[in-house]
Structures are given as structure tokens and as C-alpha cells.
PDB file of N, CA and C in Angstrom:
ATOM      1  N   MET A   1      -7.894 -15.788  32.057  1.00  0.00           N
ATOM      2  CA  MET A   1      -6.810 -15.251  32.858  1.00  0.00           C
ATOM      3  C   MET A   1      -5.608 -15.099  32.483  1.00  0.00           C
ATOM      4  N   TYR A   2      -5.018 -16.300  32.225  1.00  0.00           N
ATOM      5  CA  TYR A   2      -3.253 -16.248  31.832  1.00  0.00           C
ATOM      6  C   TYR A   2      -3.034 -15.393  30.591  1.00  0.00           C
ATOM      7  N   GLN A   3      -4.069 -15.526  29.710  1.00  0.00           N
ATOM      8  CA  GLN A   3      -3.596 -14.732  28.459  1.00  0.00           C
ATOM      9  C   GLN A   3      -3.504 -13.307  28.821  1.00  0.00           C
ATOM     10  N   ARG A   4      -4.590 -12.587  29.579  1.00  0.00           N
ATOM     11  CA  ARG A   4      -4.401 -11.232  29.882  1.00  0.00           C
ATOM     12  C   ARG A   4      -2.832 -10.967  30.384  1.00  0.00           C
ATOM     13  N   LEU A   5      -2.383 -11.420  31.321  1.00  0.00           N
ATOM     14  CA  LEU A   5      -0.955 -11.623  31.818  1.00  0.00           C
ATOM     15  C   LEU A   5      -0.115 -11.363  30.728  1.00  0.00           C
ATOM     16  N   LYS A   6      -0.061 -12.161  29.676  1.00  0.00           N
ATOM     17  CA  LYS A   6       0.703 -12.174  28.913  1.00  0.00           C
ATOM     18  C   LYS A   6       0.588 -10.768  27.886  1.00  0.00           C
ATOM     19  N   ASP A   7      -0.820 -10.608  27.669  1.00  0.00           N
ATOM     20  CA  ASP A   7      -1.337  -9.310  26.460  1.00  0.00           C
ATOM     21  C   ASP A   7      -0.976  -8.310  27.108  1.00  0.00           C
ATOM     22  N   LEU A   8      -0.924  -8.021  28.716  1.00  0.00           N
ATOM     23  CA  LEU A   8      -0.439  -6.683  29.096  1.00  0.00           C
ATOM     24  C   LEU A   8       1.068  -6.548  29.245  1.00  0.00           C
ATOM     25  N   ARG A   9       1.886  -7.905  29.394  1.00  0.00           N
ATOM     26  CA  ARG A   9       3.200  -7.803  29.237  1.00  0.00           C
ATOM     27  C   ARG A   9       3.793  -7.497  27.887  1.00  0.00           C
ATOM     28  N   GLN A  10       3.229  -8.096  26.727  1.00  0.00           N
ATOM     29  CA  GLN A  10       3.383  -7.876  25.491  1.00  0.00           C
ATOM     30  C   GLN A  10       3.049  -6.607  25.000  1.00  0.00           C
ATOM     31  N   ASP A  11       2.073  -6.069  25.268  1.00  0.00           N
ATOM     32  CA  ASP A  11       1.519  -4.411  24.970  1.00  0.00           C
ATOM     33  C   ASP A  11       2.701  -3.379  25.373  1.00  0.00           C
ATOM     34  N   ARG A  12       3.385  -3.798  26.607  1.00  0.00           N
ATOM     35  CA  ARG A  12       4.439  -3.088  27.040  1.00  0.00           C
ATOM     36  C   ARG A  12       5.998  -3.327  26.666  1.00  0.00           C
ATOM     37  N   ASP A  13       5.910  -4.191  25.475  1.00  0.00           N
ATOM     38  CA  ASP A  13       6.862  -4.777  24.930  1.00  0.00           C
ATOM     39  C   ASP A  13       7.908  -5.426  25.886  1.00  0.00           C
ATOM     40  N   LEU A  14       7.775  -5.964  27.114  1.00  0.00           N
ATOM     41  CA  LEU A  14       8.454  -6.547  28.132  1.00  0.00           C
ATOM     42  C   LEU A  14       8.520  -7.969  27.951  1.00  0.00           C
ATOM     43  N   SER A  15       9.485  -8.429  28.235  1.00  0.00           N
ATOM     44  CA  SER A  15       9.894 -10.049  28.273  1.00  0.00           C
ATOM     45  C   SER A  15       9.515 -10.577  29.697  1.00  0.00           C
ATOM     46  N   GLN A  16       9.418 -11.896  29.635  1.00  0.00           N
ATOM     47  CA  GLN A  16       8.848 -12.702  30.883  1.00  0.00           C
ATOM     48  C   GLN A  16      10.117 -12.370  31.787  1.00  0.00           C
ATOM     49  N   THR A  17      11.421 -12.313  31.328  1.00  0.00           N
ATOM     50  CA  THR A  17      12.583 -12.276  32.176  1.00  0.00           C
ATOM     51  C   THR A  17      12.533 -10.659  33.005  1.00  0.00           C
ATOM     52  N   GLN A  18      11.831  -9.686  32.098  1.00  0.00           N
ATOM     53  CA  GLN A  18      11.932  -8.488  32.676  1.00  0.00           C
ATOM     54  C   GLN A  18      10.708  -8.386  33.866  1.00  0.00           C
ATOM     55  N   ILE A  19       9.382  -8.759  33.581  1.00  0.00           N
ATOM     56  CA  ILE A  19       8.626  -8.860  34.584  1.00  0.00           C
ATOM     57  C   ILE A  19       9.166  -9.751  35.783  1.00  0.00           C
ATOM     58  N   ALA A  20       9.537 -10.742  35.636  1.00  0.00           N
ATOM     59  CA  ALA A  20      10.275 -11.532  36.879  1.00  0.00           C
ATOM     60  C   ALA A  20      11.160 -11.088  37.714  1.00  0.00           C
ATOM     61  N   LYS A  21      12.070 -10.010  36.965  1.00  0.00           N
ATOM     62  CA  LYS A  21      12.991  -9.501  37.749  1.00  0.00           C
ATOM     63  C   LYS A  21      12.480  -8.324  38.575  1.00  0.00           C
ATOM     64  N   ILE A  22      11.114  -7.779  38.091  1.00  0.00           N
ATOM     65  CA  ILE A  22      10.635  -6.536  38.965  1.00  0.00           C
ATOM     66  C   ILE A  22       9.700  -7.306  40.148  1.00  0.00           C
ATOM     67  N   LEU A  23       9.299  -8.388  39.706  1.00  0.00           N
ATOM     68  CA  LEU A  23       8.850  -9.603  40.658  1.00  0.00           C
ATOM     69  C   LEU A  23       9.671 -10.147  41.936  1.00  0.00           C
ATOM     70  N   CYS A  24      10.999  -9.820  41.618  1.00  0.00           N
ATOM     71  CA  CYS A  24      11.879 -10.669  42.348  1.00  0.00           C
ATOM     72  C   CYS A  24      11.831 -12.092  42.398  1.00  0.00           C
ATOM     73  N   MET A  25      11.477 -12.730  41.127  1.00  0.00           N
ATOM     74  CA  MET A  25      11.621 -13.972  40.933  1.00  0.00           C
ATOM     75  C   MET A  25      12.310 -14.632  39.429  1.00  0.00           C
ATOM     76  N   SER A  26      12.038 -15.778  39.599  1.00  0.00           N
ATOM     77  CA  SER A  26      12.656 -16.445  38.194  1.00  0.00           C
ATOM     78  C   SER A  26      11.740 -16.388  36.772  1.00  0.00           C
ATOM     79  N   GLN A  27      12.314 -16.245  35.700  1.00  0.00           N
ATOM     80  CA  GLN A  27      11.581 -16.071  34.416  1.00  0.00           C
ATOM     81  C   GLN A  27      10.734 -17.656  34.317  1.00  0.00           C
ATOM     82  N   THR A  28      11.409 -18.307  34.778  1.00  0.00           N
ATOM     83  CA  THR A  28      10.670 -19.872  34.758  1.00  0.00           C
ATOM     84  C   THR A  28       9.559 -19.751  35.659  1.00  0.00           C
ATOM     85  N   GLY A  29       9.610 -19.195  37.138  1.00  0.00           N
ATOM     86  CA  GLY A  29       8.454 -19.322  37.869  1.00  0.00           C
ATOM     87  C   GLY A  29       7.270 -18.339  37.264  1.00  0.00           C
ATOM     88  N   TYR A  30       7.779 -16.999  36.726  1.00  0.00           N
ATOM     89  CA  TYR A  30       6.685 -16.251  36.269  1.00  0.00           C
ATOM     90  C   TYR A  30       6.274 -16.902  34.887  1.00  0.00           C
ATOM     91  N   SER A  31       6.861 -17.596  34.010  1.00  0.00           N
ATOM     92  CA  SER A  31       6.291 -18.372  32.941  1.00  0.00           C
ATOM     93  C   SER A  31       5.054 -19.062  33.375  1.00  0.00           C
ATOM     94  N   LYS A  32       5.338 -19.776  34.288  1.00  0.00           N
ATOM     95  CA  LYS A  32       4.210 -20.787  34.852  1.00  0.00           C
ATOM     96  C   LYS A  32       2.869 -20.148  35.313  1.00  0.00           C
ATOM     97  N   TYR A  33       2.833 -18.819  35.831  1.00  0.00           N
ATOM     98  CA  TYR A  33       1.833 -18.101  35.922  1.00  0.00           C
ATOM     99  C   TYR A  33       1.031 -17.835  34.544  1.00  0.00           C
ATOM    100  N   GLU A  34       2.061 -17.418  33.422  1.00  0.00           N
ATOM    101  CA  GLU A  34       1.300 -16.979  32.143  1.00  0.00           C
ATOM    102  C   GLU A  34       0.891 -18.371  31.564  1.00  0.00           C
ATOM    103  N   THR A  35       1.266 -19.404  31.899  1.00  0.00           N
ATOM    104  CA  THR A  35       0.863 -20.716  31.345  1.00  0.00           C
ATOM    105  C   THR A  35      -0.510 -21.487  32.014  1.00  0.00           C
ATOM    106  N   GLY A  36      -0.572 -20.964  33.298  1.00  0.00           N
ATOM    107  CA  GLY A  36      -1.484 -21.387  34.345  1.00  0.00           C
ATOM    108  C   GLY A  36      -0.968 -22.704  34.977  1.00  0.00           C
ATOM    109  N   GLU A  37       0.182 -23.027  34.744  1.00  0.00           N
ATOM    110  CA  GLU A  37       0.938 -24.156  35.603  1.00  0.00           C
ATOM    111  C   GLU A  37       0.787 -24.125  37.155  1.00  0.00           C
ATOM    112  N   ASN A  38       0.891 -22.450  37.369  1.00  0.00           N
ATOM    113  CA  ASN A  38       0.934 -22.353  38.820  1.00  0.00           C
ATOM    114  C   ASN A  38      -0.345 -21.355  38.933  1.00  0.00           C
ATOM    115  N   ASP A  39      -1.028 -21.506  40.211  1.00  0.00           N
ATOM    116  CA  ASP A  39      -1.535 -20.253  40.682  1.00  0.00           C
ATOM    117  C   ASP A  39      -0.900 -19.107  41.118  1.00  0.00           C
ATOM    118  N   ILE A  40      -1.292 -17.821  40.843  1.00  0.00           N
ATOM    119  CA  ILE A  40      -0.729 -16.421  41.347  1.00  0.00           C
ATOM    120  C   ILE A  40      -0.870 -16.235  42.579  1.00  0.00           C
ATOM    121  N   PRO A  41      -0.042 -16.190  43.353  1.00  0.00           N
ATOM    122  CA  PRO A  41      -0.235 -15.804  45.057  1.00  0.00           C
ATOM    123  C   PRO A  41      -0.928 -14.291  45.090  1.00  0.00           C
ATOM    124  N   THR A  42      -1.531 -14.095  45.950  1.00  0.00           N
ATOM    125  CA  THR A  42      -2.122 -12.862  46.072  1.00  0.00           C
ATOM    126  C   THR A  42      -1.277 -11.795  46.157  1.00  0.00           C
ATOM    127  N   GLU A  43      -0.240 -11.677  46.626  1.00  0.00           N
ATOM    128  CA  GLU A  43       0.948 -10.939  46.990  1.00  0.00           C
ATOM    129  C   GLU A  43       1.227 -10.405  45.165  1.00  0.00           C
ATOM    130  N   ILE A  44       1.691 -11.257  44.502  1.00  0.00           N
ATOM    131  CA  ILE A  44       2.069 -11.207  43.045  1.00  0.00           C
ATOM    132  C   ILE A  44       1.081 -10.769  42.557  1.00  0.00           C
ATOM    133  N   LEU A  45      -0.603 -10.991  42.439  1.00  0.00           N
ATOM    134  CA  LEU A  45      -1.327 -10.538  41.852  1.00  0.00           C
ATOM    135  C   LEU A  45      -1.675  -8.756  42.054  1.00  0.00           C
ATOM    136  N   ILE A  46      -1.305  -8.477  43.367  1.00  0.00           N
ATOM    137  CA  ILE A  46      -1.332  -7.141  43.967  1.00  0.00           C
ATOM    138  C   ILE A  46      -0.085  -6.340  43.077  1.00  0.00           C
ATOM    139  N   LYS A  47       1.051  -6.839  43.078  1.00  0.00           N
ATOM    140  CA  LYS A  47       1.891  -6.350  42.211  1.00  0.00           C
ATOM    141  C   LYS A  47       1.852  -5.933  41.018  1.00  0.00           C
ATOM    142  N   LEU A  48       1.376  -7.195  40.378  1.00  0.00           N
ATOM    143  CA  LEU A  48       0.956  -7.125  38.945  1.00  0.00           C
ATOM    144  C   LEU A  48      -0.084  -6.110  38.661  1.00  0.00           C
ATOM    145  N   ALA A  49      -0.905  -6.198  39.316  1.00  0.00           N
ATOM    146  CA  ALA A  49      -2.260  -4.789  39.297  1.00  0.00           C
ATOM    147  C   ALA A  49      -1.673  -3.688  39.337  1.00  0.00           C
ATOM    148  N   GLN A  50      -0.650  -3.311  40.328  1.00  0.00           N
ATOM    149  CA  GLN A  50      -0.131  -2.165  40.713  1.00  0.00           C
ATOM    150  C   GLN A  50       0.752  -1.686  39.680  1.00  0.00           C
ATOM    151  N   PHE A  51       1.540  -2.566  39.019  1.00  0.00           N
ATOM    152  CA  PHE A  51       2.491  -2.353  37.804  1.00  0.00           C
ATOM    153  C   PHE A  51       1.874  -2.069  36.494  1.00  0.00           C
ATOM    154  N   TYR A  52       0.674  -2.737  36.064  1.00  0.00           N
ATOM    155  CA  TYR A  52       0.046  -2.717  34.837  1.00  0.00           C
ATOM    156  C   TYR A  52      -1.205  -1.324  35.214  1.00  0.00           C
ATOM    157  N   ASP A  53      -1.398  -0.979  36.225  1.00  0.00           N
ATOM    158  CA  ASP A  53      -2.398  -0.076  36.699  1.00  0.00           C
ATOM    159  C   ASP A  53      -3.529  -0.468  36.382  1.00  0.00           C
ATOM    160  N   THR A  54      -4.074  -1.604  36.745  1.00  0.00           N
ATOM    161  CA  THR A  54      -5.116  -2.338  36.347  1.00  0.00           C
ATOM    162  C   THR A  54      -5.768  -2.889  37.655  1.00  0.00           C
ATOM    163  N   SER A  55      -7.024  -3.406  37.597  1.00  0.00           N
ATOM    164  CA  SER A  55      -7.534  -4.222  38.764  1.00  0.00           C
ATOM    165  C   SER A  55      -7.277  -5.346  38.841  1.00  0.00           C
ATOM    166  N   ILE A  56      -7.093  -6.011  40.071  1.00  0.00           N
ATOM    167  CA  ILE A  56      -7.272  -7.748  40.241  1.00  0.00           C
ATOM    168  C   ILE A  56      -8.266  -8.351  39.552  1.00  0.00           C
ATOM    169  N   ASP A  57      -9.387  -7.570  39.462  1.00  0.00           N
ATOM    170  CA  ASP A  57     -10.683  -8.316  38.942  1.00  0.00           C
ATOM    171  C   ASP A  57     -10.377  -8.430  37.378  1.00  0.00           C
ATOM    172  N   TYR A  58      -9.608  -7.608  36.872  1.00  0.00           N
ATOM    173  CA  TYR A  58      -9.237  -7.570  35.349  1.00  0.00           C
ATOM    174  C   TYR A  58      -8.440  -8.783  34.923  1.00  0.00           C
ATOM    175  N   LEU A  59      -7.519  -8.753  35.871  1.00  0.00           N
ATOM    176  CA  LEU A  59      -6.215  -9.945  35.848  1.00  0.00           C
ATOM    177  C   LEU A  59      -6.816 -11.053  35.969  1.00  0.00           C
ATOM    178  N   LEU A  60      -7.848 -11.116  36.900  1.00  0.00           N
ATOM    179  CA  LEU A  60      -8.640 -12.812  37.125  1.00  0.00           C
ATOM    180  C   LEU A  60      -9.902 -12.942  36.002  1.00  0.00           C
ATOM    181  N   GLY A  61      -9.872 -12.183  35.115  1.00  0.00           N
ATOM    182  CA  GLY A  61     -10.979 -12.140  34.152  1.00  0.00           C
ATOM    183  C   GLY A  61     -12.480 -11.821  34.681  1.00  0.00           C
ATOM    184  N   GLN A  62     -12.819 -11.470  35.869  1.00  0.00           N
ATOM    185  CA  GLN A  62     -13.669 -11.260  36.312  1.00  0.00           C
ATOM    186  C   GLN A  62     -14.533  -9.822  35.666  1.00  0.00           C
ATOM    187  N   THR A  63     -13.742  -9.088  35.016  1.00  0.00           N
ATOM    188  CA  THR A  63     -14.267  -8.005  34.284  1.00  0.00           C
ATOM    189  C   THR A  63     -13.528  -7.800  33.295  1.00  0.00           C
ATOM    190  N   THR A  64     -13.946  -6.831  32.112  1.00  0.00           N
ATOM    191  CA  THR A  64     -13.374  -6.466  30.807  1.00  0.00           C
ATOM    192  C   THR A  64     -12.852  -5.032  31.016  1.00  0.00           C
ATOM    193  N   VAL A  65     -13.036  -4.674  32.128  1.00  0.00           N
ATOM    194  CA  VAL A  65     -12.598  -3.121  32.287  1.00  0.00           C
ATOM    195  C   VAL A  65     -11.378  -2.993  32.958  1.00  0.00           C
ATOM    196  N   LYS A  66     -10.307  -2.424  32.216  1.00  0.00           N
ATOM    197  CA  LYS A  66      -8.906  -2.486  32.733  1.00  0.00           C
ATOM    198  C   LYS A  66      -8.831  -1.414  33.652  1.00  0.00           C
ATOM    199  N   GLU A  67      -9.441  -0.683  33.597  1.00  0.00           N
ATOM    200  CA  GLU A  67      -8.986   0.748  34.638  1.00  0.00           C
ATOM    201  C   GLU A  67      -9.003   0.381  36.119  1.00  0.00           C
ATOM    202  N   ARG A  68      -8.454   0.738  37.066  1.00  0.00           N
ATOM    203  CA  ARG A  68      -8.613   0.216  38.239  1.00  0.00           C
ATOM    204  C   ARG A  68      -9.502   1.346  39.123  1.00  0.00           C
ATOM    205  N   TYR A  69     -10.088   0.877  39.863  1.00  0.00           N
ATOM    206  CA  TYR A  69     -10.932   1.794  40.909  1.00  0.00           C
ATOM    207  C   TYR A  69     -10.233   2.805  41.627  1.00  0.00           C
ATOM    208  N   LYS A  70     -10.300   3.961  41.343  1.00  0.00           N
ATOM    209  CA  LYS A  70      -9.709   5.082  42.398  1.00  0.00           C
ATOM    210  C   LYS A  70     -10.580   5.835  43.242  1.00  0.00           C
ATOM    211  N   ASN A  71     -10.468   6.166  44.375  1.00  0.00           N
ATOM    212  CA  ASN A  71     -10.877   6.809  45.165  1.00  0.00           C
ATOM    213  C   ASN A  71     -11.113   8.157  44.781  1.00  0.00           C
TER     214      ASN A  71
END
């Protein structure tokens, strides 16, 4: 799961600092999500899924399908 966060960020050529700013948090706090040191709160998972236009299931490693379900 944590590697997916890093991969998605790097695919967009973004730094941890840039993502942290989008999430209104510190770079150190965000870094702990990517390393698995801290669990990711639901609110942050939702923001990340929206930002990357992917599903929370993909972020959590429950599926290999990146696309988010759309009505």
C-alpha cells in the first residue's frame, strides 16, 4: 500500500513537500504515511484518492485497478 502512494506521487513528479502542502500537513507527517510508520486517516485517504483520481481500494492494495468507480 505504501509503495503505491510513493509511485503515484513520483508518476506526477511531485515531492513529498508538495503533497503535504495539498493535504495541509507537514512533509514529515506525510513521509510517515509513505513509509508505513503511521496509519493513514480516512479523511486523508479520501483526499489522496480524489487527488490521484483513483479508488481507495487501489490505495489500500485491495485491487490492481487504478480507475475510480464512477456512476
